[in-house]
Amino acid sequence: MSSSLDRLLRIMASLRDPQSGCDWDLAQTFETIAPYTIEEAYEVADAIGRGAMDELRDELGDLLLQVVFHARIAEEAGHFAFDDVAAAISDKMESRHPHIFGSETGTMGEKRWESLKAAEREAKGATSSMDGVARALPALLRAEKLQKRAARDGFDWPDTTGPAAKVAEEALELAEAPADKQAEEAGDLLFAAVNLVRAYGIAPEDALRSANDKFERRYRGMEALADDFAALSLDEQEALWNRVKQSER
């Protein structure tokens, strides 16, 4: 084990020491720090997206701390320790790369990777193709994963025609739905939109993230052109929106 990692493990042990540790760290549980774990993963992705390598180094450290934190809590409860976590992922990576660490040949494509993962799930007692798709995933990403699982079983449209028609159908159902059914129909519409985007070979999460960035950039552009953007009429705001769009071309 590297001296840096050993130091981090010792720091966490000190923070969680029942007699001399930090009150805040001692009070934490799996449940209370889980939101921080998710947040740190997103901050890693953000640093990568911006090409900020110095920040990426720091954010990866923050994410590693989360792993160490969870492992320490587990060790104290007698479940497993950090070494067990490292050993488990090492075993998994070797088993998922038999062409590198075993006797098999060939290359690793998505289909082969998913086949190996499916075999692992089956060995753990999975009974459905839907097993193992974490409920805590962002809803958009989970929708895509559920649809991909179904597609591997052949439950998928052959082209974009079917999902495009489904989006139109769900949009109409939302428009006609009574108030107590609108949330359900809105979910169906979003789920159908994910299916359509996926049919074009586009990752919905990436597409929406890009759209978010574009909207934010254009909105900031409108604000920069107006002394008091919120005081403008909708027509005046729309004019600024079109002006910002034109400037990007």
Protein backbone atom coordinates (compact mmCIF):
# COMPACT_ATOMS: atom_id res chain seq x y z
CA MET A 1 0.00 0.00 0.00
CA SER A 2 1.36 3.44 -0.87
CA SER A 3 2.42 5.73 1.94
CA SER A 4 -0.09 8.38 0.80
CA LEU A 5 -3.03 5.99 0.94
CA ASP A 6 -1.86 4.56 4.26
CA ARG A 7 -1.70 8.13 5.61
CA LEU A 8 -5.27 8.80 4.46
CA LEU A 9 -6.52 5.62 6.14
CA ARG A 10 -4.76 6.61 9.38
CA ILE A 11 -6.29 10.10 9.22
CA MET A 12 -9.78 8.63 8.86
CA ALA A 13 -9.14 6.23 11.74
CA SER A 14 -8.12 9.20 13.91
CA LEU A 15 -11.17 11.22 12.90
CA ARG A 16 -13.42 8.28 13.86
CA ASP A 17 -11.60 7.46 17.12
CA PRO A 18 -14.30 7.20 19.82
CA GLN A 19 -12.16 8.96 22.44
CA SER A 20 -10.22 11.60 20.50
CA GLY A 21 -11.95 11.84 17.13
CA CYS A 22 -13.93 14.66 15.50
CA ASP A 23 -17.51 14.96 16.73
CA TRP A 24 -18.83 15.57 13.20
CA ASP A 25 -17.03 12.60 11.66
CA LEU A 26 -18.06 10.33 14.51
CA ALA A 27 -21.70 11.27 14.01
CA GLN A 28 -21.75 10.24 10.35
CA THR A 29 -23.34 7.08 8.98
CA PHE A 30 -23.56 5.46 5.54
CA GLU A 31 -26.83 7.32 5.02
CA THR A 32 -25.63 10.76 6.05
CA ILE A 33 -22.51 10.77 3.89
CA ALA A 34 -24.07 9.11 0.84
CA PRO A 35 -25.26 12.51 -0.53
CA TYR A 36 -21.68 13.81 -0.27
CA THR A 37 -20.43 10.77 -2.17
CA ILE A 38 -22.82 11.50 -5.02
CA GLU A 39 -21.94 15.20 -4.97
CA GLU A 40 -18.21 14.49 -5.14
CA ALA A 41 -18.70 12.18 -8.14
CA TYR A 42 -20.50 14.98 -9.97
CA GLU A 43 -17.74 17.42 -9.09
CA VAL A 44 -15.22 15.01 -10.61
CA ALA A 45 -17.29 14.92 -13.80
CA ASP A 46 -17.54 18.72 -13.81
CA ALA A 47 -13.77 19.15 -13.50
CA ILE A 48 -13.26 16.70 -16.38
CA GLY A 49 -15.81 18.53 -18.51
CA ARG A 50 -13.99 21.82 -17.99
CA GLY A 51 -10.56 20.30 -18.52
CA ALA A 52 -9.47 21.58 -15.09
CA MET A 53 -6.73 19.11 -14.23
CA ASP A 54 -5.66 20.77 -10.96
CA GLU A 55 -9.26 20.70 -9.80
CA LEU A 56 -9.65 17.12 -11.02
CA ARG A 57 -6.75 16.05 -8.80
CA ASP A 58 -8.44 17.63 -5.78
CA GLU A 59 -11.90 16.32 -6.66
CA LEU A 60 -10.59 12.78 -7.10
CA GLY A 61 -9.08 13.11 -3.64
CA ASP A 62 -12.45 14.19 -2.26
CA LEU A 63 -14.09 11.19 -3.93
CA LEU A 64 -11.42 8.84 -2.58
CA LEU A 65 -12.09 10.20 0.89
CA GLN A 66 -15.71 9.14 0.52
CA VAL A 67 -14.64 5.57 -0.25
CA VAL A 68 -12.31 5.57 2.75
CA PHE A 69 -15.08 7.02 4.95
CA HIS A 70 -17.60 4.35 3.97
CA ALA A 71 -15.00 1.60 4.38
CA ARG A 72 -14.06 2.85 7.86
CA ILE A 73 -17.69 2.85 9.02
CA ALA A 74 -18.08 -0.67 7.63
CA GLU A 75 -14.90 -1.84 9.36
CA GLU A 76 -16.09 -0.48 12.69
CA ALA A 77 -19.35 -2.39 12.27
CA GLY A 78 -17.47 -5.58 11.43
CA HIS A 79 -18.65 -5.80 7.82
CA PHE A 80 -15.49 -5.25 5.76
CA ALA A 81 -12.42 -2.99 5.56
CA PHE A 82 -10.77 -0.86 2.88
CA ASP A 83 -8.49 -3.74 1.87
CA ASP A 84 -11.58 -5.85 1.20
CA VAL A 85 -12.99 -3.11 -1.03
CA ALA A 86 -9.74 -2.95 -3.02
CA ALA A 87 -9.55 -6.74 -3.25
CA ALA A 88 -13.16 -7.00 -4.45
CA ILE A 89 -12.72 -4.50 -7.27
CA SER A 90 -9.41 -6.11 -8.26
CA ASP A 91 -11.09 -9.50 -8.49
CA LYS A 92 -13.95 -8.01 -10.49
CA MET A 93 -11.69 -6.24 -12.99
CA GLU A 94 -9.66 -9.39 -13.58
CA SER A 95 -12.77 -11.50 -14.11
CA ARG A 96 -14.23 -8.90 -16.50
CA HIS A 97 -11.05 -8.87 -18.61
CA PRO A 98 -10.41 -12.55 -19.33
CA HIS A 99 -8.62 -11.58 -22.55
CA ILE A 100 -6.03 -9.72 -20.46
CA PHE A 101 -5.82 -11.72 -17.22
CA GLY A 102 -7.08 -15.08 -18.46
CA SER A 103 -6.79 -17.43 -21.39
CA GLU A 104 -9.45 -15.88 -23.63
CA THR A 105 -8.65 -13.86 -26.74
CA GLY A 106 -10.32 -11.00 -28.54
CA THR A 107 -11.17 -7.45 -27.52
CA MET A 108 -13.56 -5.90 -25.02
CA GLY A 109 -16.63 -4.36 -26.62
CA GLU A 110 -19.81 -3.18 -24.93
CA LYS A 111 -21.66 -6.40 -25.75
CA ARG A 112 -18.96 -8.58 -24.21
CA TRP A 113 -18.71 -6.33 -21.15
CA GLU A 114 -22.46 -6.47 -20.57
CA SER A 115 -22.46 -10.24 -21.03
CA LEU A 116 -19.83 -10.62 -18.31
CA LYS A 117 -21.78 -8.30 -16.00
CA ALA A 118 -24.97 -10.27 -16.65
CA ALA A 119 -23.17 -13.49 -15.71
CA GLU A 120 -22.06 -11.87 -12.45
CA ARG A 121 -25.61 -10.76 -11.65
CA GLU A 122 -26.93 -14.25 -12.37
CA ALA A 123 -24.29 -15.76 -10.08
CA LYS A 124 -25.52 -13.44 -7.33
CA GLY A 125 -29.08 -14.69 -7.76
CA ALA A 126 -30.53 -12.11 -10.16
CA THR A 127 -33.85 -13.25 -11.62
CA SER A 128 -34.69 -10.26 -13.86
CA SER A 129 -32.88 -8.24 -16.47
CA MET A 130 -33.88 -5.21 -14.39
CA ASP A 131 -31.93 -6.40 -11.33
CA GLY A 132 -28.94 -4.26 -10.42
CA VAL A 133 -30.09 -0.96 -11.92
CA ALA A 134 -29.66 1.25 -8.87
CA ARG A 135 -32.72 3.24 -7.83
CA ALA A 136 -30.46 6.03 -6.57
CA LEU A 137 -29.22 6.82 -10.09
CA PRO A 138 -30.34 10.14 -11.61
CA ALA A 139 -33.75 9.43 -13.11
CA LEU A 140 -32.63 10.22 -16.67
CA LEU A 141 -29.64 7.89 -16.47
CA ARG A 142 -31.70 5.14 -14.81
CA ALA A 143 -34.32 5.36 -17.57
CA GLU A 144 -31.60 4.84 -20.18
CA LYS A 145 -30.15 1.86 -18.32
CA LEU A 146 -33.54 0.21 -17.88
CA GLN A 147 -34.25 0.65 -21.57
CA LYS A 148 -30.87 -0.78 -22.55
CA ARG A 149 -31.50 -3.83 -20.39
CA ALA A 150 -34.85 -4.34 -22.11
CA ALA A 151 -33.26 -3.82 -25.53
CA ARG A 152 -30.79 -6.64 -24.87
CA ASP A 153 -33.81 -8.93 -24.49
CA GLY A 154 -35.14 -7.69 -27.84
CA PHE A 155 -37.79 -5.40 -26.32
CA ASP A 156 -36.96 -2.32 -28.40
CA TRP A 157 -37.97 -0.52 -31.57
CA PRO A 158 -35.84 -1.24 -34.65
CA ASP A 159 -35.47 2.45 -35.58
CA THR A 160 -36.49 5.97 -34.53
CA THR A 161 -40.02 5.81 -36.00
CA GLY A 162 -41.59 3.93 -33.11
CA PRO A 163 -40.12 6.02 -30.27
CA ALA A 164 -40.89 9.25 -32.14
CA ALA A 165 -44.55 8.24 -32.41
CA LYS A 166 -44.54 7.28 -28.73
CA VAL A 167 -43.28 10.75 -27.75
CA ALA A 168 -46.12 12.35 -29.72
CA GLU A 169 -48.61 9.96 -28.12
CA GLU A 170 -47.38 10.70 -24.59
CA ALA A 171 -47.39 14.45 -25.21
CA LEU A 172 -51.05 14.25 -26.23
CA GLU A 173 -51.91 12.12 -23.20
CA LEU A 174 -50.28 14.69 -20.91
CA ALA A 175 -52.24 17.50 -22.55
CA GLU A 176 -55.51 15.62 -22.04
CA ALA A 177 -54.78 14.20 -18.57
CA PRO A 178 -56.78 15.28 -15.50
CA ALA A 179 -54.81 17.06 -12.79
CA ASP A 180 -54.34 13.94 -10.66
CA LYS A 181 -52.77 12.05 -13.60
CA GLN A 182 -50.52 14.78 -15.02
CA ALA A 183 -47.43 13.80 -13.00
CA GLU A 184 -47.73 10.20 -14.18
CA GLU A 185 -48.19 11.24 -17.81
CA ALA A 186 -45.29 13.70 -17.54
CA GLY A 187 -43.09 10.82 -16.41
CA ASP A 188 -44.24 8.70 -19.34
CA LEU A 189 -43.40 11.55 -21.72
CA LEU A 190 -39.89 11.98 -20.30
CA PHE A 191 -39.31 8.21 -20.40
CA ALA A 192 -40.41 8.14 -24.05
CA ALA A 193 -38.10 11.07 -24.85
CA VAL A 194 -35.16 9.13 -23.39
CA ASN A 195 -36.06 6.20 -25.63
CA LEU A 196 -36.16 8.41 -28.71
CA VAL A 197 -32.82 10.05 -27.97
CA ARG A 198 -31.28 6.64 -27.28
CA ALA A 199 -32.60 5.40 -30.65
CA TYR A 200 -30.41 8.04 -32.32
CA GLY A 201 -27.38 6.62 -30.51
CA ILE A 202 -27.10 9.66 -28.24
CA ALA A 203 -26.58 9.45 -24.47
CA PRO A 204 -29.58 11.29 -22.97
CA GLU A 205 -27.63 12.45 -19.90
CA ASP A 206 -24.92 14.00 -22.08
CA ALA A 207 -27.48 15.59 -24.40
CA LEU A 208 -29.42 17.19 -21.56
CA ARG A 209 -26.24 18.34 -19.82
CA SER A 210 -25.21 20.07 -23.05
CA ALA A 211 -28.65 21.65 -23.40
CA ASN A 212 -28.45 22.89 -19.80
CA ASP A 213 -25.08 24.49 -20.50
CA LYS A 214 -26.39 26.11 -23.66
CA PHE A 215 -29.46 27.51 -21.92
CA GLU A 216 -27.39 28.89 -19.05
CA ARG A 217 -24.90 30.47 -21.46
CA ARG A 218 -27.64 32.14 -23.49
CA TYR A 219 -29.52 33.31 -20.40
CA ARG A 220 -26.39 34.91 -19.02
CA GLY A 221 -25.93 36.52 -22.42
CA MET A 222 -29.42 38.04 -22.24
CA GLU A 223 -28.77 39.34 -18.73
CA ALA A 224 -25.57 41.00 -19.93
CA LEU A 225 -27.51 42.87 -22.62
CA ALA A 226 -30.16 44.28 -20.28
CA ASP A 227 -29.96 46.60 -17.30
CA ASP A 228 -32.87 44.79 -15.63
CA PHE A 229 -33.73 41.63 -17.55
CA ALA A 230 -36.56 40.60 -15.21
CA ALA A 231 -38.34 43.93 -15.81
CA LEU A 232 -38.57 43.37 -19.58
CA SER A 233 -41.73 42.10 -21.23
CA LEU A 234 -41.75 38.55 -22.57
CA ASP A 235 -41.53 39.89 -26.15
CA GLU A 236 -38.49 41.98 -25.22
CA GLN A 237 -36.87 39.01 -23.52
CA GLU A 238 -37.57 36.83 -26.55
CA ALA A 239 -35.92 39.44 -28.77
CA LEU A 240 -32.80 39.30 -26.62
CA TRP A 241 -32.86 35.49 -26.74
CA ASN A 242 -32.87 35.57 -30.53
CA ARG A 243 -30.12 38.17 -30.52
CA VAL A 244 -27.91 35.96 -28.34
CA LYS A 245 -28.65 32.95 -30.55
CA GLN A 246 -27.64 34.88 -33.66
CA SER A 247 -24.40 35.97 -32.01
CA GLU A 248 -23.43 32.33 -31.48
CA ARG A 249 -23.68 31.46 -35.17
